[in-house]
Amino acid sequence: MVQVSDKVVKDDGKLDAFLGIDIGSVTCKFVLMDLEGNLLTSVFLRNRGSPIESAKVGMEDLRVKVEESEELQEFEIRSCGTTGSARYLTKAIVGGDLAKTEIIAHAVAAQALYPDVRTILEIGGQDSKIIILRDGIIVDFAMNSVCAAGTGSFLDHQASRLGIPIEEFGSYAVKSKNPLSIAGRCTVFAESDMIHKQNAGYSKEDIIAGLCDSLVRNYMNNLSKGKELAEPIVFQGGVSYNEGIVQAFERHLECKVIVPKYNVLMGALGMAILVRDYYLDHPTETVFRGLNVGDLEFKTSAFLCGDCPNNCDIVQVKMPEDENKVIARWGSRCGKWEVF
């Protein structure tokens, strides 16, 4: 490699780019970043029901963006990393060099934008998290993937039921003059309480504001008990677009809550940063399959190990066009079957 204009390039004359992918249960995020940490382009889309299909569609969208931009054609993807609930499957499909948990990816992205961050609130489509940092180190975290109350999918459902675009849901809460008390500890109870309040004639603004308050209380009760939520506090994930939730957090925490510019892309951005650092420490050839992943065929299957009482459920991914080559396998507690 040689140094050119303060950028590291290989002998092919291309500038270094790094791809971070975050495929969760509801949305998929792709971030292309340069060596200095600048976001070159991104793709955000709804999950297509299958991580494989989502990865293919996302990569195709990214390929089109790169081909349509002369500036992006100056870059070459040197390394790729994956995170999210489908990180291992995604890594196998796209040829990822690194896979990390969402906790690590979100913390890295928040620290890159706000080096002094001490508390990270994150609410996504199906789960919520809290991450506590001190002096740049993750010292505690909690994750709630069991209860959907307060997550993006629940708010999407309520917005649809009320006939309000989800993009405008938070603005209704901000207009409220008299927020109501809504049961927020369970999605079923919350919806029943909202319907009761609607039938009683209360305004949508007051109902939605009450829902935002109750969901924040639920988040705090489930995730922040015994934790010191110190400033600066960063709120990321899709739900951070909701002004009502942001203001509810600020009322409960009695301090300013920061919403990053790339709030929905933080997991993918953090993964791009991680894989860049990995590449700089291990400047080996990437196993990334390229932007034409959508043209490849993959087959997933599962089987029970049965070699011990654990009876682990093993998942594997094959490429039928390559004599059914196993490109990834995981799920065994002992590591016997692992292939990454």
C-alpha atoms as a PDB file:
ATOM      1  CA  MET A   1       0.000   0.000   0.000  1.00  0.00           C
ATOM      2  CA  VAL A   2       1.075   3.611  -0.596  1.00  0.00           C
ATOM      3  CA  GLN A   3       0.074   6.957   0.870  1.00  0.00           C
ATOM      4  CA  VAL A   4      -1.814   9.255  -1.527  1.00  0.00           C
ATOM      5  CA  SER A   5      -3.468  12.541  -0.473  1.00  0.00           C
ATOM      6  CA  ASP A   6      -3.577  11.415   3.161  1.00  0.00           C
ATOM      7  CA  LYS A   7      -5.549   8.329   2.122  1.00  0.00           C
ATOM      8  CA  VAL A   8      -4.277   4.757   2.090  1.00  0.00           C
ATOM      9  CA  VAL A   9      -4.673   3.060  -1.268  1.00  0.00           C
ATOM     10  CA  LYS A  10      -3.619  -0.288  -2.656  1.00  0.00           C
ATOM     11  CA  ASP A  11      -1.721  -0.699  -5.888  1.00  0.00           C
ATOM     12  CA  ASP A  12      -5.018  -0.837  -7.825  1.00  0.00           C
ATOM     13  CA  GLY A  13      -5.304   2.940  -7.376  1.00  0.00           C
ATOM     14  CA  LYS A  14      -8.636   2.660  -5.598  1.00  0.00           C
ATOM     15  CA  LEU A  15      -9.381   4.396  -2.301  1.00  0.00           C
ATOM     16  CA  ASP A  16     -10.269   2.267   0.695  1.00  0.00           C
ATOM     17  CA  ALA A  17     -13.939   1.817   1.622  1.00  0.00           C
ATOM     18  CA  PHE A  18     -15.502  -0.284   4.372  1.00  0.00           C
ATOM     19  CA  LEU A  19     -18.977  -1.782   4.478  1.00  0.00           C
ATOM     20  CA  GLY A  20     -21.032  -2.199   7.636  1.00  0.00           C
ATOM     21  CA  ILE A  21     -24.285  -4.169   7.501  1.00  0.00           C
ATOM     22  CA  ASP A  22     -26.953  -4.344  10.205  1.00  0.00           C
ATOM     23  CA  ILE A  23     -29.820  -6.729   9.454  1.00  0.00           C
ATOM     24  CA  GLY A  24     -32.381  -6.909  12.226  1.00  0.00           C
ATOM     25  CA  SER A  25     -35.879  -8.248  12.588  1.00  0.00           C
ATOM     26  CA  VAL A  26     -37.634  -5.259  10.991  1.00  0.00           C
ATOM     27  CA  THR A  27     -35.114  -3.148   9.039  1.00  0.00           C
ATOM     28  CA  CYS A  28     -31.806  -3.548   7.216  1.00  0.00           C
ATOM     29  CA  LYS A  29     -29.046  -0.947   7.111  1.00  0.00           C
ATOM     30  CA  PHE A  30     -25.961  -0.761   4.884  1.00  0.00           C
ATOM     31  CA  VAL A  31     -23.252   1.888   5.388  1.00  0.00           C
ATOM     32  CA  LEU A  32     -20.276   2.497   3.109  1.00  0.00           C
ATOM     33  CA  MET A  33     -17.536   4.473   4.874  1.00  0.00           C
ATOM     34  CA  ASP A  34     -14.123   5.781   3.823  1.00  0.00           C
ATOM     35  CA  LEU A  35     -10.845   5.460   5.722  1.00  0.00           C
ATOM     36  CA  GLU A  36     -11.376   8.693   7.661  1.00  0.00           C
ATOM     37  CA  GLY A  37     -14.810   7.613   8.887  1.00  0.00           C
ATOM     38  CA  ASN A  38     -16.873   9.677   6.464  1.00  0.00           C
ATOM     39  CA  LEU A  39     -20.157   8.114   5.375  1.00  0.00           C
ATOM     40  CA  LEU A  40     -20.019   7.730   1.604  1.00  0.00           C
ATOM     41  CA  THR A  41     -23.502   6.315   1.044  1.00  0.00           C
ATOM     42  CA  SER A  42     -26.089   4.181   2.785  1.00  0.00           C
ATOM     43  CA  VAL A  43     -29.082   1.940   2.162  1.00  0.00           C
ATOM     44  CA  PHE A  44     -32.056   1.612   4.512  1.00  0.00           C
ATOM     45  CA  LEU A  45     -34.892  -0.781   3.788  1.00  0.00           C
ATOM     46  CA  ARG A  46     -37.543  -2.906   5.423  1.00  0.00           C
ATOM     47  CA  ASN A  47     -36.702  -6.529   6.118  1.00  0.00           C
ATOM     48  CA  ARG A  48     -38.022  -8.762   3.325  1.00  0.00           C
ATOM     49  CA  GLY A  49     -38.901 -11.553   5.744  1.00  0.00           C
ATOM     50  CA  SER A  50     -35.709 -13.466   4.997  1.00  0.00           C
ATOM     51  CA  PRO A  51     -32.213 -12.229   5.948  1.00  0.00           C
ATOM     52  CA  ILE A  52     -30.891 -13.765   2.734  1.00  0.00           C
ATOM     53  CA  GLU A  53     -33.388 -11.891   0.570  1.00  0.00           C
ATOM     54  CA  SER A  54     -32.837  -8.693   2.577  1.00  0.00           C
ATOM     55  CA  ALA A  55     -29.069  -8.952   2.131  1.00  0.00           C
ATOM     56  CA  LYS A  56     -29.471  -9.518  -1.610  1.00  0.00           C
ATOM     57  CA  VAL A  57     -31.848  -6.595  -2.114  1.00  0.00           C
ATOM     58  CA  GLY A  58     -29.737  -4.277   0.034  1.00  0.00           C
ATOM     59  CA  MET A  59     -26.561  -5.183  -1.824  1.00  0.00           C
ATOM     60  CA  GLU A  60     -28.291  -4.650  -5.156  1.00  0.00           C
ATOM     61  CA  ASP A  61     -29.440  -1.182  -4.051  1.00  0.00           C
ATOM     62  CA  LEU A  62     -25.895  -0.398  -2.927  1.00  0.00           C
ATOM     63  CA  ARG A  63     -24.472  -1.645  -6.223  1.00  0.00           C
ATOM     64  CA  VAL A  64     -26.792   0.664  -8.180  1.00  0.00           C
ATOM     65  CA  LYS A  65     -25.753   3.651  -6.033  1.00  0.00           C
ATOM     66  CA  VAL A  66     -22.068   2.906  -6.560  1.00  0.00           C
ATOM     67  CA  GLU A  67     -22.439   2.451 -10.333  1.00  0.00           C
ATOM     68  CA  GLU A  68     -24.424   5.690 -10.676  1.00  0.00           C
ATOM     69  CA  SER A  69     -21.832   7.754  -8.788  1.00  0.00           C
ATOM     70  CA  GLU A  70     -18.475   8.611 -10.353  1.00  0.00           C
ATOM     71  CA  GLU A  71     -17.134   9.534  -6.916  1.00  0.00           C
ATOM     72  CA  LEU A  72     -18.068   6.172  -5.401  1.00  0.00           C
ATOM     73  CA  GLN A  73     -16.407   4.327  -8.268  1.00  0.00           C
ATOM     74  CA  GLU A  74     -13.069   5.652  -6.992  1.00  0.00           C
ATOM     75  CA  PHE A  75     -13.453   3.397  -3.937  1.00  0.00           C
ATOM     76  CA  GLU A  76     -12.988  -0.324  -3.432  1.00  0.00           C
ATOM     77  CA  ILE A  77     -14.548  -2.234  -0.518  1.00  0.00           C
ATOM     78  CA  ARG A  78     -11.579  -3.608   1.414  1.00  0.00           C
ATOM     79  CA  SER A  79     -13.497  -5.251   4.223  1.00  0.00           C
ATOM     80  CA  CYS A  80     -17.072  -5.957   5.327  1.00  0.00           C
ATOM     81  CA  GLY A  81     -18.618  -6.464   8.770  1.00  0.00           C
ATOM     82  CA  THR A  82     -22.064  -7.546   9.944  1.00  0.00           C
ATOM     83  CA  THR A  83     -24.174  -7.030  13.042  1.00  0.00           C
ATOM     84  CA  GLY A  84     -27.803  -7.423  14.075  1.00  0.00           C
ATOM     85  CA  SER A  85     -29.883 -10.458  14.960  1.00  0.00           C
ATOM     86  CA  ALA A  86     -28.964 -12.095  11.617  1.00  0.00           C
ATOM     87  CA  ARG A  87     -25.268 -11.178  11.719  1.00  0.00           C
ATOM     88  CA  TYR A  88     -23.872 -14.703  11.243  1.00  0.00           C
ATOM     89  CA  LEU A  89     -26.204 -15.569   8.396  1.00  0.00           C
ATOM     90  CA  THR A  90     -25.533 -12.202   6.737  1.00  0.00           C
ATOM     91  CA  LYS A  91     -21.780 -12.699   7.176  1.00  0.00           C
ATOM     92  CA  ALA A  92     -22.037 -16.023   5.368  1.00  0.00           C
ATOM     93  CA  ILE A  93     -24.091 -14.586   2.507  1.00  0.00           C
ATOM     94  CA  VAL A  94     -22.080 -11.453   1.716  1.00  0.00           C
ATOM     95  CA  GLY A  95     -18.675 -12.830   2.689  1.00  0.00           C
ATOM     96  CA  GLY A  96     -18.172 -10.752   5.800  1.00  0.00           C
ATOM     97  CA  ASP A  97     -14.773 -10.483   7.480  1.00  0.00           C
ATOM     98  CA  LEU A  98     -16.125  -9.740  10.967  1.00  0.00           C
ATOM     99  CA  ALA A  99     -19.362 -10.125  12.959  1.00  0.00           C
ATOM    100  CA  LYS A 100     -20.096  -8.360  16.254  1.00  0.00           C
ATOM    101  CA  THR A 101     -23.119  -7.897  18.528  1.00  0.00           C
ATOM    102  CA  GLU A 102     -25.371  -4.853  18.264  1.00  0.00           C
ATOM    103  CA  ILE A 103     -24.233  -3.717  21.720  1.00  0.00           C
ATOM    104  CA  ILE A 104     -20.644  -3.300  20.550  1.00  0.00           C
ATOM    105  CA  ALA A 105     -21.586  -1.819  17.160  1.00  0.00           C
ATOM    106  CA  HIS A 106     -23.944   0.785  18.632  1.00  0.00           C
ATOM    107  CA  ALA A 107     -21.433   1.777  21.312  1.00  0.00           C
ATOM    108  CA  VAL A 108     -18.626   2.212  18.774  1.00  0.00           C
ATOM    109  CA  ALA A 109     -20.775   4.407  16.508  1.00  0.00           C
ATOM    110  CA  ALA A 110     -21.984   6.587  19.385  1.00  0.00           C
ATOM    111  CA  GLN A 111     -18.440   7.082  20.650  1.00  0.00           C
ATOM    112  CA  ALA A 112     -17.220   8.004  17.162  1.00  0.00           C
ATOM    113  CA  LEU A 113     -19.769  10.837  16.977  1.00  0.00           C
ATOM    114  CA  TYR A 114     -19.835  11.746  20.673  1.00  0.00           C
ATOM    115  CA  PRO A 115     -16.536  10.726  22.341  1.00  0.00           C
ATOM    116  CA  ASP A 116     -17.796  11.684  25.824  1.00  0.00           C
ATOM    117  CA  VAL A 117     -21.040   9.663  25.636  1.00  0.00           C
ATOM    118  CA  ARG A 118     -21.830   7.872  28.910  1.00  0.00           C
ATOM    119  CA  THR A 119     -25.319   6.469  28.270  1.00  0.00           C
ATOM    120  CA  ILE A 120     -26.841   5.052  25.080  1.00  0.00           C
ATOM    121  CA  LEU A 121     -30.573   4.459  24.729  1.00  0.00           C
ATOM    122  CA  GLU A 122     -31.526   2.356  21.719  1.00  0.00           C
ATOM    123  CA  ILE A 123     -34.979   1.266  20.605  1.00  0.00           C
ATOM    124  CA  GLY A 124     -35.375  -0.674  17.390  1.00  0.00           C
ATOM    125  CA  GLY A 125     -38.098  -2.569  15.609  1.00  0.00           C
ATOM    126  CA  GLN A 126     -38.406  -5.520  17.978  1.00  0.00           C
ATOM    127  CA  ASP A 127     -36.109  -4.889  20.939  1.00  0.00           C
ATOM    128  CA  SER A 128     -34.626  -2.178  23.117  1.00  0.00           C
ATOM    129  CA  LYS A 129     -31.228  -1.720  24.729  1.00  0.00           C
ATOM    130  CA  ILE A 130     -29.378   0.448  27.194  1.00  0.00           C
ATOM    131  CA  ILE A 131     -25.580   0.723  27.194  1.00  0.00           C
ATOM    132  CA  ILE A 132     -23.547   2.317  29.979  1.00  0.00           C
ATOM    133  CA  LEU A 133     -20.054   3.578  29.172  1.00  0.00           C
ATOM    134  CA  ARG A 134     -17.383   5.060  31.401  1.00  0.00           C
ATOM    135  CA  ASP A 135     -14.122   6.398  29.984  1.00  0.00           C
ATOM    136  CA  GLY A 136     -14.901   4.822  26.631  1.00  0.00           C
ATOM    137  CA  ILE A 137     -15.499   1.332  28.051  1.00  0.00           C
ATOM    138  CA  ILE A 138     -18.809  -0.572  28.122  1.00  0.00           C
ATOM    139  CA  VAL A 139     -19.317  -1.255  31.840  1.00  0.00           C
ATOM    140  CA  ASP A 140     -22.942  -2.403  31.766  1.00  0.00           C
ATOM    141  CA  PHE A 141     -25.802  -3.035  29.382  1.00  0.00           C
ATOM    142  CA  ALA A 142     -29.283  -4.503  29.277  1.00  0.00           C
ATOM    143  CA  MET A 143     -31.415  -5.734  26.408  1.00  0.00           C
ATOM    144  CA  ASN A 144     -35.117  -6.468  26.242  1.00  0.00           C
ATOM    145  CA  SER A 145     -36.101  -8.704  23.335  1.00  0.00           C
ATOM    146  CA  VAL A 146     -39.125 -10.323  25.021  1.00  0.00           C
ATOM    147  CA  CYS A 147     -41.632  -7.484  25.438  1.00  0.00           C
ATOM    148  CA  ALA A 148     -42.526  -5.499  22.314  1.00  0.00           C
ATOM    149  CA  ALA A 149     -44.094  -2.572  24.207  1.00  0.00           C
ATOM    150  CA  GLY A 150     -42.415   0.610  23.052  1.00  0.00           C
ATOM    151  CA  THR A 151     -40.563  -0.883  20.089  1.00  0.00           C
ATOM    152  CA  GLY A 152     -40.899   0.328  16.524  1.00  0.00           C
ATOM    153  CA  SER A 153     -43.229  -2.461  15.417  1.00  0.00           C
ATOM    154  CA  PHE A 154     -45.658  -1.695  18.259  1.00  0.00           C
ATOM    155  CA  LEU A 155     -45.661   2.035  17.462  1.00  0.00           C
ATOM    156  CA  ASP A 156     -46.125   1.237  13.752  1.00  0.00           C
ATOM    157  CA  HIS A 157     -49.175  -0.850  14.636  1.00  0.00           C
ATOM    158  CA  GLN A 158     -50.683   1.873  16.833  1.00  0.00           C
ATOM    159  CA  ALA A 159     -50.071   4.567  14.207  1.00  0.00           C
ATOM    160  CA  SER A 160     -51.795   2.419  11.583  1.00  0.00           C
ATOM    161  CA  ARG A 161     -54.720   1.705  13.906  1.00  0.00           C
ATOM    162  CA  LEU A 162     -55.167   5.432  14.565  1.00  0.00           C
ATOM    163  CA  GLY A 163     -54.886   6.271  10.863  1.00  0.00           C
ATOM    164  CA  ILE A 164     -51.730   8.363  11.331  1.00  0.00           C
ATOM    165  CA  PRO A 165     -48.525   8.057   9.245  1.00  0.00           C
ATOM    166  CA  ILE A 166     -45.779   6.799  11.555  1.00  0.00           C
ATOM    167  CA  GLU A 167     -43.654   9.799  10.495  1.00  0.00           C
ATOM    168  CA  GLU A 168     -46.238  12.116  12.106  1.00  0.00           C
ATOM    169  CA  PHE A 169     -46.893  10.030  15.221  1.00  0.00           C
ATOM    170  CA  GLY A 170     -44.471  11.931  17.438  1.00  0.00           C
ATOM    171  CA  SER A 171     -45.681  15.365  16.349  1.00  0.00           C
ATOM    172  CA  TYR A 172     -49.148  14.525  17.694  1.00  0.00           C
ATOM    173  CA  ALA A 173     -47.658  13.870  21.136  1.00  0.00           C
ATOM    174  CA  VAL A 174     -45.806  17.193  21.088  1.00  0.00           C
ATOM    175  CA  LYS A 175     -49.105  19.051  20.518  1.00  0.00           C
ATOM    176  CA  SER A 176     -50.777  17.499  23.563  1.00  0.00           C
ATOM    177  CA  LYS A 177     -51.864  19.822  26.378  1.00  0.00           C
ATOM    178  CA  ASN A 178     -53.088  17.095  28.726  1.00  0.00           C
ATOM    179  CA  PRO A 179     -51.255  13.740  28.342  1.00  0.00           C
ATOM    180  CA  LEU A 180     -53.284  10.806  29.601  1.00  0.00           C
ATOM    181  CA  SER A 181     -52.168   7.892  31.732  1.00  0.00           C
ATOM    182  CA  ILE A 182     -51.879   4.809  29.516  1.00  0.00           C
ATOM    183  CA  ALA A 183     -50.991   1.306  30.696  1.00  0.00           C
ATOM    184  CA  GLY A 184     -47.630   0.620  29.076  1.00  0.00           C
ATOM    185  CA  ARG A 185     -46.249  -2.525  30.669  1.00  0.00           C
ATOM    186  CA  CYS A 186     -47.814  -4.783  28.034  1.00  0.00           C
ATOM    187  CA  THR A 187     -48.765  -4.240  24.397  1.00  0.00           C
ATOM    188  CA  VAL A 188     -52.170  -5.862  24.940  1.00  0.00           C
ATOM    189  CA  PHE A 189     -53.013  -3.694  27.954  1.00  0.00           C
ATOM    190  CA  ALA A 190     -51.657  -0.561  26.260  1.00  0.00           C
ATOM    191  CA  GLU A 191     -53.801  -1.059  23.172  1.00  0.00           C
ATOM    192  CA  SER A 192     -56.888  -1.888  25.246  1.00  0.00           C
ATOM    193  CA  ASP A 193     -56.361   1.237  27.340  1.00  0.00           C
ATOM    194  CA  MET A 194     -55.924   3.375  24.227  1.00  0.00           C
ATOM    195  CA  ILE A 195     -59.147   2.027  22.711  1.00  0.00           C
ATOM    196  CA  HIS A 196     -60.963   2.737  25.979  1.00  0.00           C
ATOM    197  CA  LYS A 197     -59.659   6.326  25.980  1.00  0.00           C
ATOM    198  CA  GLN A 198     -60.652   6.779  22.320  1.00  0.00           C
ATOM    199  CA  ASN A 199     -64.180   5.562  23.037  1.00  0.00           C
ATOM    200  CA  ALA A 200     -64.352   8.001  25.947  1.00  0.00           C
ATOM    201  CA  GLY A 201     -63.746  10.871  23.538  1.00  0.00           C
ATOM    202  CA  TYR A 202     -60.188  11.908  24.363  1.00  0.00           C
ATOM    203  CA  SER A 203     -58.110  13.505  21.606  1.00  0.00           C
ATOM    204  CA  LYS A 204     -55.508  11.580  19.616  1.00  0.00           C
ATOM    205  CA  GLU A 205     -52.841  14.048  20.760  1.00  0.00           C
ATOM    206  CA  ASP A 206     -53.462  13.377  24.461  1.00  0.00           C
ATOM    207  CA  ILE A 207     -53.702   9.602  23.931  1.00  0.00           C
ATOM    208  CA  ILE A 208     -50.446   9.455  21.957  1.00  0.00           C
ATOM    209  CA  ALA A 209     -48.624  11.692  24.446  1.00  0.00           C
ATOM    210  CA  GLY A 210     -49.795   9.427  27.271  1.00  0.00           C
ATOM    211  CA  LEU A 211     -48.624   6.381  25.323  1.00  0.00           C
ATOM    212  CA  CYS A 212     -45.155   7.923  24.818  1.00  0.00           C
ATOM    213  CA  ASP A 213     -44.857   8.629  28.554  1.00  0.00           C
ATOM    214  CA  SER A 214     -45.968   5.141  29.536  1.00  0.00           C
ATOM    215  CA  LEU A 215     -43.620   3.459  27.073  1.00  0.00           C
ATOM    216  CA  VAL A 216     -40.661   5.439  28.399  1.00  0.00           C
ATOM    217  CA  ARG A 217     -41.616   4.447  31.951  1.00  0.00           C
ATOM    218  CA  ASN A 218     -41.761   0.825  30.809  1.00  0.00           C
ATOM    219  CA  TYR A 219     -38.308   1.139  29.210  1.00  0.00           C
ATOM    220  CA  MET A 220     -36.854   2.690  32.359  1.00  0.00           C
ATOM    221  CA  ASN A 221     -38.416   0.075  34.655  1.00  0.00           C
ATOM    222  CA  ASN A 222     -37.240  -2.837  32.519  1.00  0.00           C
ATOM    223  CA  LEU A 223     -33.745  -1.722  31.541  1.00  0.00           C
ATOM    224  CA  SER A 224     -32.352   1.017  33.764  1.00  0.00           C
ATOM    225  CA  LYS A 225     -32.902  -0.334  37.274  1.00  0.00           C
ATOM    226  CA  GLY A 226     -29.705  -0.118  39.313  1.00  0.00           C
ATOM    227  CA  LYS A 227     -27.912   1.822  36.579  1.00  0.00           C
ATOM    228  CA  GLU A 228     -26.618   5.392  36.684  1.00  0.00           C
ATOM    229  CA  LEU A 229     -27.820   7.141  33.527  1.00  0.00           C
ATOM    230  CA  ALA A 230     -25.210   9.877  33.276  1.00  0.00           C
ATOM    231  CA  GLU A 231     -24.908  12.579  30.615  1.00  0.00           C
ATOM    232  CA  PRO A 232     -24.193  12.873  27.747  1.00  0.00           C
ATOM    233  CA  ILE A 233     -27.099  10.593  26.783  1.00  0.00           C
ATOM    234  CA  VAL A 234     -27.495   9.494  23.160  1.00  0.00           C
ATOM    235  CA  PHE A 235     -30.781   8.070  21.850  1.00  0.00           C
ATOM    236  CA  GLN A 236     -30.571   6.006  18.645  1.00  0.00           C
ATOM    237  CA  GLY A 237     -32.612   3.522  16.664  1.00  0.00           C
ATOM    238  CA  GLY A 238     -35.724   4.076  14.561  1.00  0.00           C
ATOM    239  CA  VAL A 239     -37.905   5.114  17.507  1.00  0.00           C
ATOM    240  CA  SER A 240     -35.607   8.109  18.135  1.00  0.00           C
ATOM    241  CA  TYR A 241     -37.347   9.763  15.153  1.00  0.00           C
ATOM    242  CA  ASN A 242     -40.432  10.020  17.404  1.00  0.00           C
ATOM    243  CA  GLU A 243     -40.415  13.497  18.943  1.00  0.00           C
ATOM    244  CA  GLY A 244     -42.906  12.411  21.589  1.00  0.00           C
ATOM    245  CA  ILE A 245     -40.629   9.628  22.847  1.00  0.00           C
ATOM    246  CA  VAL A 246     -37.606  11.956  22.843  1.00  0.00           C
ATOM    247  CA  GLN A 247     -39.437  14.564  24.918  1.00  0.00           C
ATOM    248  CA  ALA A 248     -40.765  11.868  27.264  1.00  0.00           C
ATOM    249  CA  PHE A 249     -37.204  10.665  27.894  1.00  0.00           C
ATOM    250  CA  GLU A 250     -36.081  14.231  28.566  1.00  0.00           C
ATOM    251  CA  ARG A 251     -38.895  14.735  31.078  1.00  0.00           C
ATOM    252  CA  HIS A 252     -38.123  11.493  32.909  1.00  0.00           C
ATOM    253  CA  LEU A 253     -34.344  11.959  32.866  1.00  0.00           C
ATOM    254  CA  GLU A 254     -34.527  15.728  33.444  1.00  0.00           C
ATOM    255  CA  CYS A 255     -31.743  16.373  30.956  1.00  0.00           C
ATOM    256  CA  LYS A 256     -31.037  16.804  27.254  1.00  0.00           C
ATOM    257  CA  VAL A 257     -31.169  13.668  25.103  1.00  0.00           C
ATOM    258  CA  ILE A 258     -29.050  13.710  21.922  1.00  0.00           C
ATOM    259  CA  VAL A 259     -30.422  12.153  18.720  1.00  0.00           C
ATOM    260  CA  PRO A 260     -27.564  11.504  16.246  1.00  0.00           C
ATOM    261  CA  LYS A 261     -27.722  12.533  12.612  1.00  0.00           C
ATOM    262  CA  TYR A 262     -27.430   8.880  11.579  1.00  0.00           C
ATOM    263  CA  ASN A 263     -29.790   7.611  14.290  1.00  0.00           C
ATOM    264  CA  VAL A 264     -31.153   4.633  12.335  1.00  0.00           C
ATOM    265  CA  LEU A 265     -27.790   3.712  10.812  1.00  0.00           C
ATOM    266  CA  MET A 266     -25.729   3.558  14.010  1.00  0.00           C
ATOM    267  CA  GLY A 267     -25.386  -0.229  14.117  1.00  0.00           C
ATOM    268  CA  ALA A 268     -24.153  -0.409  10.518  1.00  0.00           C
ATOM    269  CA  LEU A 269     -21.935   2.651  11.010  1.00  0.00           C
ATOM    270  CA  GLY A 270     -20.369   1.120  14.113  1.00  0.00           C
ATOM    271  CA  MET A 271     -19.733  -2.093  12.199  1.00  0.00           C
ATOM    272  CA  ALA A 272     -18.055  -0.175   9.359  1.00  0.00           C
ATOM    273  CA  ILE A 273     -15.749   1.468  11.915  1.00  0.00           C
ATOM    274  CA  LEU A 274     -14.974  -1.878  13.556  1.00  0.00           C
ATOM    275  CA  VAL A 275     -14.177  -3.581  10.273  1.00  0.00           C
ATOM    276  CA  ARG A 276     -12.003  -0.646   9.187  1.00  0.00           C
ATOM    277  CA  ASP A 277      -9.937  -0.978  12.367  1.00  0.00           C
ATOM    278  CA  TYR A 278      -9.810  -4.747  11.871  1.00  0.00           C
ATOM    279  CA  TYR A 279      -8.535  -4.256   8.321  1.00  0.00           C
ATOM    280  CA  LEU A 280      -5.831  -1.824   9.434  1.00  0.00           C
ATOM    281  CA  ASP A 281      -4.658  -4.353  12.031  1.00  0.00           C
ATOM    282  CA  HIS A 282      -5.024  -7.326   9.649  1.00  0.00           C
ATOM    283  CA  PRO A 283      -4.435  -5.997   6.095  1.00  0.00           C
ATOM    284  CA  THR A 284      -5.236  -9.338   4.489  1.00  0.00           C
ATOM    285  CA  GLU A 285      -7.376 -10.038   1.442  1.00  0.00           C
ATOM    286  CA  THR A 286     -11.087  -9.715   2.176  1.00  0.00           C
ATOM    287  CA  VAL A 287     -13.507 -12.614   1.705  1.00  0.00           C
ATOM    288  CA  PHE A 288     -16.222 -10.150   0.653  1.00  0.00           C
ATOM    289  CA  ARG A 289     -18.134 -11.576  -2.324  1.00  0.00           C
ATOM    290  CA  GLY A 290     -18.689  -8.223  -3.989  1.00  0.00           C
ATOM    291  CA  LEU A 291     -21.729  -6.102  -4.765  1.00  0.00           C
ATOM    292  CA  ASN A 292     -23.207  -8.756  -7.081  1.00  0.00           C
ATOM    293  CA  VAL A 293     -24.240 -11.012  -4.187  1.00  0.00           C
ATOM    294  CA  GLY A 294     -27.825 -10.788  -5.432  1.00  0.00           C
ATOM    295  CA  ASP A 295     -26.866 -12.951  -8.415  1.00  0.00           C
ATOM    296  CA  LEU A 296     -25.737 -15.855  -6.202  1.00  0.00           C
ATOM    297  CA  GLU A 297     -27.881 -18.687  -4.875  1.00  0.00           C
ATOM    298  CA  PHE A 298     -27.822 -19.850  -1.252  1.00  0.00           C
ATOM    299  CA  LYS A 299     -29.572 -22.663   0.589  1.00  0.00           C
ATOM    300  CA  THR A 300     -30.119 -22.828   4.356  1.00  0.00           C
ATOM    301  CA  SER A 301     -30.970 -25.924   6.364  1.00  0.00           C
ATOM    302  CA  ALA A 302     -30.919 -27.115   9.975  1.00  0.00           C
ATOM    303  CA  PHE A 303     -30.420 -30.355  11.854  1.00  0.00           C
ATOM    304  CA  LEU A 304     -30.162 -31.566  15.450  1.00  0.00           C
ATOM    305  CA  CYS A 305     -26.693 -32.663  16.522  1.00  0.00           C
ATOM    306  CA  GLY A 306     -27.739 -35.425  18.916  1.00  0.00           C
ATOM    307  CA  ASP A 307     -24.177 -36.182  20.062  1.00  0.00           C
ATOM    308  CA  CYS A 308     -24.912 -35.085  23.644  1.00  0.00           C
ATOM    309  CA  PRO A 309     -27.959 -34.230  25.818  1.00  0.00           C
ATOM    310  CA  ASN A 310     -27.807 -30.589  24.642  1.00  0.00           C
ATOM    311  CA  ASN A 311     -29.097 -31.747  21.234  1.00  0.00           C
ATOM    312  CA  CYS A 312     -28.070 -28.433  19.650  1.00  0.00           C
ATOM    313  CA  ASP A 313     -29.974 -27.068  16.664  1.00  0.00           C
ATOM    314  CA  ILE A 314     -27.331 -26.570  13.955  1.00  0.00           C
ATOM    315  CA  VAL A 315     -27.921 -24.118  11.103  1.00  0.00           C
ATOM    316  CA  GLN A 316     -25.887 -24.251   7.913  1.00  0.00           C
ATOM    317  CA  VAL A 317     -25.670 -22.325   4.645  1.00  0.00           C
ATOM    318  CA  LYS A 318     -24.663 -23.916   1.345  1.00  0.00           C
ATOM    319  CA  MET A 319     -23.964 -22.671  -2.161  1.00  0.00           C
ATOM    320  CA  PRO A 320     -25.716 -25.173  -4.490  1.00  0.00           C
ATOM    321  CA  GLU A 321     -23.881 -23.837  -7.541  1.00  0.00           C
ATOM    322  CA  ASP A 322     -20.560 -24.749  -5.888  1.00  0.00           C
ATOM    323  CA  GLU A 323     -21.268 -28.448  -5.324  1.00  0.00           C
ATOM    324  CA  ASN A 324     -23.290 -27.676  -2.194  1.00  0.00           C
ATOM    325  CA  LYS A 325     -20.255 -26.185  -0.473  1.00  0.00           C
ATOM    326  CA  VAL A 326     -20.959 -25.329   3.178  1.00  0.00           C
ATOM    327  CA  ILE A 327     -19.973 -21.687   3.621  1.00  0.00           C
ATOM    328  CA  ALA A 328     -21.204 -21.288   7.208  1.00  0.00           C
ATOM    329  CA  ARG A 329     -22.480 -23.395  10.073  1.00  0.00           C
ATOM    330  CA  TRP A 330     -23.257 -22.433  13.677  1.00  0.00           C
ATOM    331  CA  GLY A 331     -25.380 -23.314  16.700  1.00  0.00           C
ATOM    332  CA  SER A 332     -23.317 -25.876  18.633  1.00  0.00           C
ATOM    333  CA  ARG A 333     -22.464 -25.003  22.225  1.00  0.00           C
ATOM    334  CA  CYS A 334     -19.191 -26.916  22.095  1.00  0.00           C
ATOM    335  CA  GLY A 335     -18.127 -25.448  18.753  1.00  0.00           C
ATOM    336  CA  LYS A 336     -17.932 -28.849  17.069  1.00  0.00           C
ATOM    337  CA  TRP A 337     -19.922 -27.870  13.996  1.00  0.00           C
ATOM    338  CA  GLU A 338     -18.875 -24.227  13.682  1.00  0.00           C
ATOM    339  CA  VAL A 339     -17.810 -22.989  10.253  1.00  0.00           C
ATOM    340  CA  PHE A 340     -17.376 -19.233   9.701  1.00  0.00           C
END
